Amino acid sequence: MMKWMIFVIMTAMPNQGDYDDIYIFSNPTFNTFEECRAHVLSPQNIPSLSRHLILQYGVRTIQDIKCVPESQVRTFILKEQPA
Protein backbone atom coordinates (compact mmCIF):
# COMPACT_ATOMS: atom_id res chain seq x y z
CA MET A 1 0.00 0.00 0.00
CA MET A 2 1.29 3.44 -0.93
CA LYS A 3 1.99 5.83 1.95
CA TRP A 4 1.68 9.59 1.64
CA MET A 5 3.93 12.14 3.39
CA ILE A 6 3.83 15.87 4.05
CA PHE A 7 6.50 17.64 1.96
CA VAL A 8 7.19 21.31 2.81
CA ILE A 9 9.17 23.78 0.71
CA MET A 10 10.45 26.79 2.63
CA THR A 11 11.37 30.02 0.82
CA ALA A 12 15.05 30.58 0.20
CA MET A 13 16.97 32.94 2.44
CA PRO A 14 18.46 35.98 0.64
CA ASN A 15 22.08 34.82 1.03
CA GLN A 16 21.24 31.18 0.27
CA GLY A 17 21.14 31.51 -3.50
CA ASP A 18 18.57 29.60 -5.50
CA TYR A 19 18.16 26.72 -3.06
CA ASP A 20 15.00 26.29 -1.04
CA ASP A 21 14.95 24.29 2.17
CA ILE A 22 12.81 21.17 2.12
CA TYR A 23 11.28 19.47 5.14
CA ILE A 24 9.65 16.05 4.97
CA PHE A 25 7.41 14.95 7.81
CA SER A 26 8.15 11.24 8.27
CA ASN A 27 5.47 11.04 10.93
CA PRO A 28 2.58 10.91 10.48
CA THR A 29 2.17 9.13 7.18
CA PHE A 30 -1.18 8.63 5.47
CA ASN A 31 -2.87 5.88 3.48
CA THR A 32 -4.41 8.25 0.93
CA PHE A 33 -3.80 11.66 -0.58
CA GLU A 34 -7.15 12.77 0.81
CA GLU A 35 -6.18 11.84 4.39
CA CYS A 36 -2.91 13.73 4.05
CA ARG A 37 -4.60 16.80 2.56
CA ALA A 38 -7.27 16.80 5.29
CA HIS A 39 -4.55 16.66 7.95
CA VAL A 40 -2.59 19.56 6.43
CA LEU A 41 -5.71 21.72 6.01
CA SER A 42 -7.26 20.93 9.40
CA PRO A 43 -7.33 24.05 11.64
CA GLN A 44 -6.48 21.89 14.65
CA ASN A 45 -3.26 20.57 13.02
CA ILE A 46 -1.91 23.82 11.56
CA PRO A 47 -0.46 25.10 14.88
CA SER A 48 1.52 21.91 15.57
CA LEU A 49 2.82 21.71 11.99
CA SER A 50 3.83 25.39 12.17
CA ARG A 51 5.55 24.99 15.57
CA HIS A 52 7.56 22.06 14.26
CA LEU A 53 8.72 24.00 11.20
CA ILE A 54 9.62 27.06 13.33
CA LEU A 55 11.77 24.82 15.54
CA GLN A 56 13.56 23.56 12.43
CA TYR A 57 13.94 26.82 10.46
CA GLY A 58 12.98 29.73 12.67
CA VAL A 59 10.32 32.11 11.44
CA ARG A 60 10.34 31.59 7.66
CA THR A 61 7.75 31.72 4.93
CA ILE A 62 6.39 28.46 3.60
CA GLN A 63 6.49 28.41 -0.18
CA ASP A 64 4.41 25.25 -0.59
CA ILE A 65 3.08 22.21 1.24
CA LYS A 66 2.39 19.05 -0.73
CA CYS A 67 1.19 15.56 0.01
CA VAL A 68 3.56 13.29 -1.84
CA PRO A 69 3.76 9.50 -2.22
CA GLU A 70 6.59 8.01 -0.17
CA SER A 71 8.13 6.53 -3.34
CA GLN A 72 8.52 10.03 -4.84
CA VAL A 73 10.07 11.29 -1.59
CA ARG A 74 12.61 8.45 -1.71
CA THR A 75 13.40 9.24 -5.37
CA PHE A 76 13.85 12.93 -4.52
CA ILE A 77 16.18 12.13 -1.60
CA LEU A 78 18.30 9.76 -3.70
CA LYS A 79 18.52 12.31 -6.52
CA GLU A 80 19.72 15.01 -4.09
CA GLN A 81 22.51 12.85 -2.59
CA PRO A 82 26.03 13.83 -3.64
CA ALA A 83 27.58 11.44 -6.16
C-alpha atoms as a PDB file:
ATOM      1  CA  MET A   1       0.000   0.000   0.000  1.00  0.00           C
ATOM      2  CA  MET A   2       1.293   3.436  -0.929  1.00  0.00           C
ATOM      3  CA  LYS A   3       1.989   5.830   1.952  1.00  0.00           C
ATOM      4  CA  TRP A   4       1.683   9.594   1.642  1.00  0.00           C
ATOM      5  CA  MET A   5       3.935  12.136   3.389  1.00  0.00           C
ATOM      6  CA  ILE A   6       3.828  15.870   4.048  1.00  0.00           C
ATOM      7  CA  PHE A   7       6.497  17.638   1.958  1.00  0.00           C
ATOM      8  CA  VAL A   8       7.194  21.306   2.809  1.00  0.00           C
ATOM      9  CA  ILE A   9       9.171  23.775   0.709  1.00  0.00           C
ATOM     10  CA  MET A  10      10.446  26.793   2.632  1.00  0.00           C
ATOM     11  CA  THR A  11      11.365  30.018   0.825  1.00  0.00           C
ATOM     12  CA  ALA A  12      15.055  30.584   0.198  1.00  0.00           C
ATOM     13  CA  MET A  13      16.967  32.943   2.436  1.00  0.00           C
ATOM     14  CA  PRO A  14      18.463  35.982   0.644  1.00  0.00           C
ATOM     15  CA  ASN A  15      22.084  34.818   1.030  1.00  0.00           C
ATOM     16  CA  GLN A  16      21.236  31.183   0.273  1.00  0.00           C
ATOM     17  CA  GLY A  17      21.143  31.514  -3.502  1.00  0.00           C
ATOM     18  CA  ASP A  18      18.575  29.599  -5.501  1.00  0.00           C
ATOM     19  CA  TYR A  19      18.165  26.721  -3.059  1.00  0.00           C
ATOM     20  CA  ASP A  20      15.003  26.287  -1.039  1.00  0.00           C
ATOM     21  CA  ASP A  21      14.948  24.292   2.174  1.00  0.00           C
ATOM     22  CA  ILE A  22      12.815  21.167   2.118  1.00  0.00           C
ATOM     23  CA  TYR A  23      11.276  19.469   5.142  1.00  0.00           C
ATOM     24  CA  ILE A  24       9.654  16.049   4.973  1.00  0.00           C
ATOM     25  CA  PHE A  25       7.411  14.947   7.813  1.00  0.00           C
ATOM     26  CA  SER A  26       8.153  11.242   8.270  1.00  0.00           C
ATOM     27  CA  ASN A  27       5.467  11.038  10.933  1.00  0.00           C
ATOM     28  CA  PRO A  28       2.577  10.914  10.484  1.00  0.00           C
ATOM     29  CA  THR A  29       2.165   9.126   7.176  1.00  0.00           C
ATOM     30  CA  PHE A  30      -1.180   8.628   5.473  1.00  0.00           C
ATOM     31  CA  ASN A  31      -2.865   5.881   3.477  1.00  0.00           C
ATOM     32  CA  THR A  32      -4.410   8.246   0.927  1.00  0.00           C
ATOM     33  CA  PHE A  33      -3.798  11.661  -0.576  1.00  0.00           C
ATOM     34  CA  GLU A  34      -7.147  12.772   0.805  1.00  0.00           C
ATOM     35  CA  GLU A  35      -6.180  11.841   4.394  1.00  0.00           C
ATOM     36  CA  CYS A  36      -2.911  13.733   4.048  1.00  0.00           C
ATOM     37  CA  ARG A  37      -4.599  16.800   2.564  1.00  0.00           C
ATOM     38  CA  ALA A  38      -7.272  16.803   5.285  1.00  0.00           C
ATOM     39  CA  HIS A  39      -4.546  16.662   7.951  1.00  0.00           C
ATOM     40  CA  VAL A  40      -2.592  19.560   6.427  1.00  0.00           C
ATOM     41  CA  LEU A  41      -5.708  21.721   6.010  1.00  0.00           C
ATOM     42  CA  SER A  42      -7.256  20.933   9.405  1.00  0.00           C
ATOM     43  CA  PRO A  43      -7.326  24.049  11.637  1.00  0.00           C
ATOM     44  CA  GLN A  44      -6.484  21.888  14.655  1.00  0.00           C
ATOM     45  CA  ASN A  45      -3.261  20.572  13.019  1.00  0.00           C
ATOM     46  CA  ILE A  46      -1.913  23.816  11.560  1.00  0.00           C
ATOM     47  CA  PRO A  47      -0.456  25.102  14.876  1.00  0.00           C
ATOM     48  CA  SER A  48       1.521  21.913  15.568  1.00  0.00           C
ATOM     49  CA  LEU A  49       2.822  21.712  11.995  1.00  0.00           C
ATOM     50  CA  SER A  50       3.828  25.386  12.168  1.00  0.00           C
ATOM     51  CA  ARG A  51       5.548  24.991  15.566  1.00  0.00           C
ATOM     52  CA  HIS A  52       7.556  22.056  14.264  1.00  0.00           C
ATOM     53  CA  LEU A  53       8.717  24.002  11.202  1.00  0.00           C
ATOM     54  CA  ILE A  54       9.615  27.058  13.328  1.00  0.00           C
ATOM     55  CA  LEU A  55      11.767  24.823  15.543  1.00  0.00           C
ATOM     56  CA  GLN A  56      13.563  23.559  12.426  1.00  0.00           C
ATOM     57  CA  TYR A  57      13.943  26.818  10.462  1.00  0.00           C
ATOM     58  CA  GLY A  58      12.979  29.734  12.668  1.00  0.00           C
ATOM     59  CA  VAL A  59      10.320  32.107  11.436  1.00  0.00           C
ATOM     60  CA  ARG A  60      10.338  31.591   7.665  1.00  0.00           C
ATOM     61  CA  THR A  61       7.752  31.718   4.933  1.00  0.00           C
ATOM     62  CA  ILE A  62       6.393  28.456   3.603  1.00  0.00           C
ATOM     63  CA  GLN A  63       6.488  28.409  -0.179  1.00  0.00           C
ATOM     64  CA  ASP A  64       4.410  25.251  -0.589  1.00  0.00           C
ATOM     65  CA  ILE A  65       3.083  22.210   1.243  1.00  0.00           C
ATOM     66  CA  LYS A  66       2.389  19.049  -0.727  1.00  0.00           C
ATOM     67  CA  CYS A  67       1.186  15.555   0.009  1.00  0.00           C
ATOM     68  CA  VAL A  68       3.560  13.288  -1.844  1.00  0.00           C
ATOM     69  CA  PRO A  69       3.764   9.500  -2.220  1.00  0.00           C
ATOM     70  CA  GLU A  70       6.586   8.014  -0.165  1.00  0.00           C
ATOM     71  CA  SER A  71       8.130   6.532  -3.336  1.00  0.00           C
ATOM     72  CA  GLN A  72       8.523  10.028  -4.836  1.00  0.00           C
ATOM     73  CA  VAL A  73      10.069  11.290  -1.589  1.00  0.00           C
ATOM     74  CA  ARG A  74      12.614   8.453  -1.712  1.00  0.00           C
ATOM     75  CA  THR A  75      13.403   9.241  -5.372  1.00  0.00           C
ATOM     76  CA  PHE A  76      13.852  12.933  -4.515  1.00  0.00           C
ATOM     77  CA  ILE A  77      16.184  12.129  -1.605  1.00  0.00           C
ATOM     78  CA  LEU A  78      18.299   9.758  -3.700  1.00  0.00           C
ATOM     79  CA  LYS A  79      18.516  12.307  -6.515  1.00  0.00           C
ATOM     80  CA  GLU A  80      19.724  15.009  -4.094  1.00  0.00           C
ATOM     81  CA  GLN A  81      22.507  12.852  -2.586  1.00  0.00           C
ATOM     82  CA  PRO A  82      26.032  13.828  -3.640  1.00  0.00           C
ATOM     83  CA  ALA A  83      27.577  11.440  -6.155  1.00  0.00           C
END
